[in-house]
Amino acid sequence: MKRKRDFSFNTHSIRALKIGIPLALQEFLTRLSFLALCAFVNRLGLEASSGYGVACKTVNFVMLVPSSLMQSMASFVAQNVGASNVYRNG
């Protein structure tokens, strides 16, 4: 039988939430702004909408390299934080 104390937050989960909630909020607001921009462009007509679609695909392709760099750096930072050595050098 599950008890309420089985679902309590420990120190690790609180640390993860302190880092994760601001990141999730930032991502949510970014996606919301892109959704609002897309809704605005769709009202301008077919030409503007198709131009916006092509531009979005181009930006997504160009952002592949910075995005992969960001994800790899996030794993290095996570390893350093997990090792309690945030000032680790190369």
N, C-alpha and C. Protein backbone atom coordinates (compact mmCIF):
# COMPACT_ATOMS: atom_id res chain seq x y z
N MET A 1 0.84 -1.18 0.00
CA MET A 1 0.00 0.00 0.00
C MET A 1 0.88 1.24 0.00
N LYS A 2 0.56 2.18 -0.86
CA LYS A 2 1.34 3.41 -0.97
C LYS A 2 0.95 4.38 0.13
N ARG A 3 1.97 5.03 0.66
CA ARG A 3 1.72 6.04 1.69
C ARG A 3 2.16 7.40 1.16
N LYS A 4 1.72 8.43 1.84
CA LYS A 4 2.05 9.78 1.42
C LYS A 4 3.55 10.04 1.51
N ARG A 5 4.22 9.46 2.47
CA ARG A 5 5.66 9.70 2.62
C ARG A 5 6.47 9.02 1.52
N ASP A 6 5.87 8.07 0.79
CA ASP A 6 6.54 7.44 -0.33
C ASP A 6 6.70 8.40 -1.51
N PHE A 7 5.91 9.45 -1.53
CA PHE A 7 5.92 10.40 -2.64
C PHE A 7 6.51 11.74 -2.25
N SER A 8 7.36 11.78 -1.26
CA SER A 8 7.95 13.05 -0.81
C SER A 8 9.12 13.44 -1.70
N PHE A 9 9.46 14.73 -1.67
CA PHE A 9 10.59 15.25 -2.42
C PHE A 9 11.86 15.11 -1.60
N ASN A 10 12.89 14.55 -2.19
CA ASN A 10 14.18 14.50 -1.53
C ASN A 10 15.03 15.67 -2.03
N THR A 11 16.26 15.78 -1.55
CA THR A 11 17.09 16.93 -1.91
C THR A 11 17.47 16.91 -3.39
N HIS A 12 17.65 15.72 -3.95
CA HIS A 12 18.01 15.64 -5.37
C HIS A 12 16.86 16.11 -6.26
N SER A 13 15.65 15.71 -5.93
CA SER A 13 14.52 16.13 -6.76
C SER A 13 14.26 17.63 -6.63
N ILE A 14 14.51 18.20 -5.46
CA ILE A 14 14.35 19.64 -5.29
C ILE A 14 15.39 20.39 -6.11
N ARG A 15 16.64 19.90 -6.13
CA ARG A 15 17.68 20.52 -6.97
C ARG A 15 17.31 20.43 -8.44
N ALA A 16 16.80 19.29 -8.85
CA ALA A 16 16.41 19.11 -10.26
C ALA A 16 15.26 20.06 -10.63
N LEU A 17 14.32 20.24 -9.72
CA LEU A 17 13.21 21.16 -9.99
C LEU A 17 13.67 22.61 -10.03
N LYS A 18 14.63 22.97 -9.19
CA LYS A 18 15.15 24.35 -9.20
C LYS A 18 15.82 24.67 -10.52
N ILE A 19 16.42 23.68 -11.14
CA ILE A 19 17.06 23.89 -12.44
C ILE A 19 16.04 23.71 -13.57
N GLY A 20 15.19 22.72 -13.44
CA GLY A 20 14.31 22.35 -14.54
C GLY A 20 13.13 23.27 -14.75
N ILE A 21 12.56 23.83 -13.67
CA ILE A 21 11.38 24.67 -13.83
C ILE A 21 11.69 25.95 -14.62
N PRO A 22 12.78 26.68 -14.32
CA PRO A 22 13.07 27.85 -15.16
C PRO A 22 13.36 27.50 -16.62
N LEU A 23 14.05 26.38 -16.85
CA LEU A 23 14.31 25.96 -18.22
C LEU A 23 13.02 25.60 -18.95
N ALA A 24 12.13 24.91 -18.27
CA ALA A 24 10.85 24.54 -18.88
C ALA A 24 10.00 25.78 -19.15
N LEU A 25 10.04 26.75 -18.25
CA LEU A 25 9.28 27.99 -18.44
C LEU A 25 9.84 28.77 -19.63
N GLN A 26 11.15 28.82 -19.75
CA GLN A 26 11.76 29.51 -20.88
C GLN A 26 11.38 28.85 -22.20
N GLU A 27 11.44 27.55 -22.26
CA GLU A 27 11.08 26.82 -23.48
C GLU A 27 9.60 27.01 -23.80
N PHE A 28 8.75 26.99 -22.79
CA PHE A 28 7.31 27.19 -22.99
C PHE A 28 7.03 28.57 -23.57
N LEU A 29 7.67 29.60 -23.01
CA LEU A 29 7.43 30.96 -23.50
C LEU A 29 7.97 31.15 -24.91
N THR A 30 9.08 30.51 -25.22
CA THR A 30 9.63 30.60 -26.58
C THR A 30 8.67 29.96 -27.57
N ARG A 31 8.19 28.77 -27.25
CA ARG A 31 7.26 28.07 -28.16
C ARG A 31 5.95 28.84 -28.29
N LEU A 32 5.49 29.47 -27.20
CA LEU A 32 4.27 30.26 -27.24
C LEU A 32 4.44 31.47 -28.15
N SER A 33 5.60 32.11 -28.10
CA SER A 33 5.83 33.27 -28.97
C SER A 33 5.87 32.85 -30.43
N PHE A 34 6.48 31.70 -30.74
CA PHE A 34 6.49 31.21 -32.12
C PHE A 34 5.08 30.86 -32.59
N LEU A 35 4.27 30.34 -31.69
CA LEU A 35 2.88 30.02 -32.04
C LEU A 35 2.10 31.30 -32.34
N ALA A 36 2.31 32.34 -31.53
CA ALA A 36 1.63 33.61 -31.78
C ALA A 36 2.10 34.23 -33.10
N LEU A 37 3.39 34.14 -33.38
CA LEU A 37 3.92 34.66 -34.65
C LEU A 37 3.34 33.91 -35.84
N CYS A 38 3.24 32.60 -35.73
CA CYS A 38 2.67 31.79 -36.80
C CYS A 38 1.20 32.14 -37.02
N ALA A 39 0.45 32.36 -35.95
CA ALA A 39 -0.96 32.74 -36.09
C ALA A 39 -1.09 34.10 -36.77
N PHE A 40 -0.19 35.03 -36.44
CA PHE A 40 -0.22 36.34 -37.07
C PHE A 40 0.10 36.25 -38.55
N VAL A 41 1.13 35.49 -38.91
CA VAL A 41 1.53 35.37 -40.31
C VAL A 41 0.46 34.66 -41.13
N ASN A 42 -0.21 33.70 -40.55
CA ASN A 42 -1.26 32.97 -41.29
C ASN A 42 -2.41 33.88 -41.68
N ARG A 43 -2.62 34.97 -40.95
CA ARG A 43 -3.68 35.92 -41.30
C ARG A 43 -3.29 36.79 -42.49
N LEU A 44 -2.02 36.83 -42.83
CA LEU A 44 -1.56 37.72 -43.91
C LEU A 44 -1.78 37.15 -45.30
N GLY A 45 -2.08 35.87 -45.39
CA GLY A 45 -2.35 35.29 -46.69
C GLY A 45 -1.44 34.11 -47.00
N LEU A 46 -1.68 33.52 -48.16
CA LEU A 46 -0.99 32.30 -48.55
C LEU A 46 0.49 32.54 -48.84
N GLU A 47 0.81 33.65 -49.52
CA GLU A 47 2.22 33.92 -49.86
C GLU A 47 3.05 34.14 -48.61
N ALA A 48 2.54 34.95 -47.69
CA ALA A 48 3.28 35.21 -46.45
C ALA A 48 3.42 33.95 -45.62
N SER A 49 2.37 33.15 -45.60
CA SER A 49 2.41 31.91 -44.83
C SER A 49 3.41 30.92 -45.40
N SER A 50 3.46 30.78 -46.72
CA SER A 50 4.42 29.85 -47.31
C SER A 50 5.85 30.38 -47.17
N GLY A 51 6.04 31.69 -47.28
CA GLY A 51 7.37 32.27 -47.06
C GLY A 51 7.84 32.06 -45.63
N TYR A 52 6.93 32.21 -44.69
CA TYR A 52 7.27 31.97 -43.29
C TYR A 52 7.63 30.49 -43.06
N GLY A 53 6.91 29.59 -43.73
CA GLY A 53 7.21 28.17 -43.59
C GLY A 53 8.59 27.83 -44.13
N VAL A 54 8.96 28.41 -45.27
CA VAL A 54 10.29 28.16 -45.84
C VAL A 54 11.36 28.74 -44.92
N ALA A 55 11.12 29.93 -44.40
CA ALA A 55 12.09 30.55 -43.50
C ALA A 55 12.26 29.72 -42.23
N CYS A 56 11.19 29.18 -41.71
CA CYS A 56 11.28 28.35 -40.49
C CYS A 56 12.10 27.09 -40.76
N LYS A 57 11.88 26.46 -41.91
CA LYS A 57 12.65 25.26 -42.25
C LYS A 57 14.13 25.59 -42.41
N THR A 58 14.44 26.73 -43.02
CA THR A 58 15.82 27.15 -43.18
C THR A 58 16.48 27.41 -41.83
N VAL A 59 15.77 28.10 -40.95
CA VAL A 59 16.31 28.40 -39.62
C VAL A 59 16.53 27.11 -38.84
N ASN A 60 15.60 26.18 -38.93
CA ASN A 60 15.76 24.90 -38.24
C ASN A 60 17.01 24.16 -38.73
N PHE A 61 17.27 24.21 -40.03
CA PHE A 61 18.45 23.55 -40.57
C PHE A 61 19.73 24.23 -40.09
N VAL A 62 19.73 25.56 -40.11
CA VAL A 62 20.92 26.31 -39.69
C VAL A 62 21.19 26.13 -38.20
N MET A 63 20.13 25.97 -37.41
CA MET A 63 20.29 25.86 -35.96
C MET A 63 20.68 24.45 -35.50
N LEU A 64 20.87 23.51 -36.41
CA LEU A 64 21.26 22.16 -36.02
C LEU A 64 22.62 22.13 -35.30
N VAL A 65 23.59 22.87 -35.83
CA VAL A 65 24.92 22.86 -35.22
C VAL A 65 24.92 23.52 -33.84
N PRO A 66 24.36 24.75 -33.68
CA PRO A 66 24.34 25.32 -32.33
C PRO A 66 23.53 24.49 -31.33
N SER A 67 22.46 23.87 -31.82
CA SER A 67 21.64 23.05 -30.93
C SER A 67 22.41 21.81 -30.46
N SER A 68 23.15 21.18 -31.36
CA SER A 68 23.92 20.00 -30.96
C SER A 68 25.05 20.40 -30.01
N LEU A 69 25.66 21.55 -30.23
CA LEU A 69 26.69 22.04 -29.31
C LEU A 69 26.11 22.31 -27.93
N MET A 70 24.92 22.91 -27.90
CA MET A 70 24.27 23.18 -26.62
C MET A 70 23.96 21.89 -25.87
N GLN A 71 23.49 20.88 -26.57
CA GLN A 71 23.15 19.62 -25.92
C GLN A 71 24.40 18.90 -25.41
N SER A 72 25.48 18.96 -26.17
CA SER A 72 26.71 18.32 -25.69
C SER A 72 27.28 19.05 -24.50
N MET A 73 27.22 20.38 -24.50
CA MET A 73 27.71 21.14 -23.34
C MET A 73 26.83 20.89 -22.11
N ALA A 74 25.55 20.69 -22.33
CA ALA A 74 24.66 20.39 -21.20
C ALA A 74 25.05 19.08 -20.54
N SER A 75 25.48 18.10 -21.32
CA SER A 75 25.89 16.82 -20.71
C SER A 75 27.19 16.99 -19.94
N PHE A 76 28.13 17.79 -20.46
CA PHE A 76 29.37 18.05 -19.71
C PHE A 76 29.10 18.78 -18.41
N VAL A 77 28.23 19.77 -18.47
CA VAL A 77 27.90 20.53 -17.26
C VAL A 77 27.20 19.63 -16.25
N ALA A 78 26.30 18.76 -16.73
CA ALA A 78 25.61 17.85 -15.82
C ALA A 78 26.58 16.89 -15.15
N GLN A 79 27.59 16.43 -15.89
CA GLN A 79 28.60 15.55 -15.27
C GLN A 79 29.38 16.30 -14.20
N ASN A 80 29.74 17.54 -14.48
CA ASN A 80 30.48 18.32 -13.50
C ASN A 80 29.65 18.63 -12.27
N VAL A 81 28.39 18.94 -12.46
CA VAL A 81 27.51 19.20 -11.32
C VAL A 81 27.31 17.92 -10.52
N GLY A 82 27.16 16.80 -11.21
CA GLY A 82 27.01 15.52 -10.52
C GLY A 82 28.24 15.13 -9.73
N ALA A 83 29.41 15.56 -10.21
CA ALA A 83 30.66 15.27 -9.51
C ALA A 83 30.98 16.31 -8.46
N SER A 84 30.08 17.28 -8.25
CA SER A 84 30.27 18.38 -7.30
C SER A 84 31.56 19.14 -7.58
N ASN A 85 31.87 19.30 -8.85
CA ASN A 85 33.06 20.02 -9.27
C ASN A 85 32.67 20.96 -10.40
N VAL A 86 32.03 22.09 -10.06
CA VAL A 86 31.52 22.99 -11.08
C VAL A 86 32.63 23.80 -11.73
N TYR A 87 33.82 23.82 -11.15
CA TYR A 87 34.93 24.57 -11.71
C TYR A 87 35.97 23.68 -12.36
N ARG A 88 35.56 22.49 -12.79
CA ARG A 88 36.49 21.55 -13.41
C ARG A 88 37.03 22.12 -14.72
N ASN A 89 38.31 22.02 -14.92
CA ASN A 89 38.94 22.49 -16.15
C ASN A 89 39.28 21.30 -17.04
N GLY A 90 39.16 21.51 -18.38
CA GLY A 90 39.46 20.57 -19.43
C GLY A 90 40.10 19.34 -18.94
